[in-house]
């Protein structure tokens, strides 16, 4: 069974915070890319009006996702949550009980794979 877990995190960007958002996003992308080899995708997207952000994150397994959450909590959570308000988290794959517990406060929607392919 494929152990990858991935999610789409939808966020509202606080008004007037785009410059701070851009700086934090750059810092987080660089840190994740440099320090988390099992982060397979880490992609940020912003709506044309600059009010909404979607972050697509894919990890080799639940342990890798937990490593990311630990790094996030240690280095970025306070600033992130001052600039962004989570509105929805859709979680895909087969997350471990530990990962589910770590994300429980966000109240994610869990979706299990039922078909498809990857190249």
Protein backbone atom coordinates (compact mmCIF):
# COMPACT_ATOMS: atom_id res chain seq x y z
CA UNK A 1 0.00 0.00 0.00
CA UNK A 2 1.21 3.49 -0.84
CA UNK A 3 2.15 5.29 2.39
CA UNK A 4 2.11 8.82 0.97
CA UNK A 5 -0.11 11.38 2.63
CA UNK A 6 -1.03 14.70 1.12
CA UNK A 7 -3.33 17.57 1.79
CA UNK A 8 -4.75 20.78 0.47
CA UNK A 9 -4.83 23.52 3.08
CA UNK A 10 -7.08 26.46 2.26
CA UNK A 11 -6.38 29.75 4.06
CA UNK A 12 -7.61 33.32 4.21
CA UNK A 13 -4.82 35.92 3.97
CA UNK A 14 -5.24 38.74 6.47
CA UNK A 15 -5.92 42.10 4.78
CA UNK A 16 -2.85 44.29 4.30
CA UNK A 17 -0.44 41.42 4.99
CA UNK A 18 0.63 40.43 1.47
CA UNK A 19 4.24 41.60 1.83
CA UNK A 20 4.66 39.77 5.15
CA UNK A 21 2.92 36.74 3.62
CA UNK A 22 5.32 36.69 0.65
CA UNK A 23 8.33 36.89 2.95
CA UNK A 24 7.10 34.09 5.23
CA UNK A 25 6.10 31.89 2.28
CA UNK A 26 9.56 32.23 0.76
CA UNK A 27 11.21 31.39 4.08
CA UNK A 28 8.99 28.35 4.63
CA UNK A 29 9.44 27.00 1.09
CA UNK A 30 13.22 27.35 1.33
CA UNK A 31 13.38 25.70 4.77
CA UNK A 32 11.11 22.82 3.78
CA UNK A 33 13.02 22.21 0.54
CA UNK A 34 16.39 22.29 2.28
CA UNK A 35 15.58 20.32 5.44
CA UNK A 36 12.79 17.87 4.63
CA UNK A 37 13.82 15.40 1.90
CA UNK A 38 10.60 13.40 2.35
CA UNK A 39 8.45 16.43 1.53
CA UNK A 40 7.62 15.51 -2.07
CA UNK A 41 5.49 18.53 -2.97
CA UNK A 42 5.15 21.86 -1.19
CA UNK A 43 3.30 24.29 -3.43
CA UNK A 44 1.68 27.60 -2.52
CA UNK A 45 -0.97 29.27 -4.70
CA UNK A 46 -2.78 32.59 -4.23
CA UNK A 47 -6.08 33.79 -5.69
CA UNK A 48 -6.02 36.67 -8.17
CA UNK A 49 -7.50 39.04 -5.57
CA UNK A 50 -4.83 38.08 -3.01
CA UNK A 51 -7.28 37.01 -0.31
CA UNK A 52 -6.99 33.22 -0.47
CA UNK A 53 -4.04 30.83 -0.35
CA UNK A 54 -4.01 27.11 -1.08
CA UNK A 55 -1.03 25.02 -0.01
CA UNK A 56 -0.62 21.56 -1.56
CA UNK A 57 1.65 19.35 0.54
CA UNK A 58 2.64 15.74 -0.18
CA UNK A 59 4.85 13.60 2.04
CA UNK A 60 6.46 10.17 1.61
CA UNK A 61 4.60 8.94 4.71
CA UNK A 62 2.98 10.07 7.95
CA UNK A 63 6.37 10.28 9.70
CA UNK A 64 7.56 12.81 7.12
CA UNK A 65 4.38 14.84 7.56
CA UNK A 66 4.90 14.81 11.34
CA UNK A 67 8.48 16.01 10.85
CA UNK A 68 7.11 18.91 8.82
CA UNK A 69 4.52 19.74 11.46
CA UNK A 70 7.22 19.72 14.14
CA UNK A 71 9.40 22.09 12.09
CA UNK A 72 6.37 24.27 11.39
CA UNK A 73 5.48 24.47 15.08
CA UNK A 74 9.04 25.27 16.11
CA UNK A 75 9.88 27.86 13.48
CA UNK A 76 6.80 29.25 11.77
CA UNK A 77 3.43 28.62 13.45
CA UNK A 78 3.14 31.88 15.36
CA UNK A 79 3.91 34.09 12.36
CA UNK A 80 1.90 31.89 9.99
CA UNK A 81 -1.25 32.04 12.11
CA UNK A 82 -0.91 35.82 12.50
CA UNK A 83 -1.07 36.19 8.71
CA UNK A 84 -3.30 33.31 7.64
CA UNK A 85 -6.53 31.77 8.90
CA UNK A 86 -7.13 28.12 7.98
CA UNK A 87 -10.57 27.67 6.40
CA UNK A 88 -10.36 24.05 5.22
CA UNK A 89 -8.00 21.10 5.28
CA UNK A 90 -8.61 18.14 2.97
CA UNK A 91 -6.36 15.21 3.87
CA UNK A 92 -5.72 12.34 1.45
CA UNK A 93 -4.07 8.95 1.71
CA UNK A 94 -3.73 6.78 4.80
CA UNK A 95 -2.58 9.07 7.63
CA UNK A 96 -1.40 7.41 10.83
CA UNK A 97 -3.35 7.86 14.05
CA UNK A 98 -0.52 10.10 15.30
CA UNK A 99 -0.80 12.37 12.24
CA UNK A 100 -4.58 12.49 12.57
CA UNK A 101 -4.20 13.53 16.21
CA UNK A 102 -1.65 16.22 15.30
CA UNK A 103 -4.07 17.75 12.78
CA UNK A 104 -7.28 17.26 14.80
CA UNK A 105 -7.60 20.91 15.89
CA UNK A 106 -7.99 21.96 12.25
CA UNK A 107 -10.83 19.43 11.81
CA UNK A 108 -9.70 18.02 8.46
CA UNK A 109 -11.88 16.22 5.97
CA UNK A 110 -10.42 12.74 5.35
CA UNK A 111 -10.60 11.26 1.87
CA UNK A 112 -9.33 7.75 1.12
CA UNK A 113 -8.04 6.73 -2.30
CA UNK A 114 -10.39 4.53 -4.31
CA UNK A 115 -8.82 4.54 -7.78
CA UNK A 116 -6.57 6.31 -10.23
CA UNK A 117 -2.90 6.31 -11.14
CA UNK A 118 0.29 8.36 -10.98
CA UNK A 119 3.07 8.72 -13.48
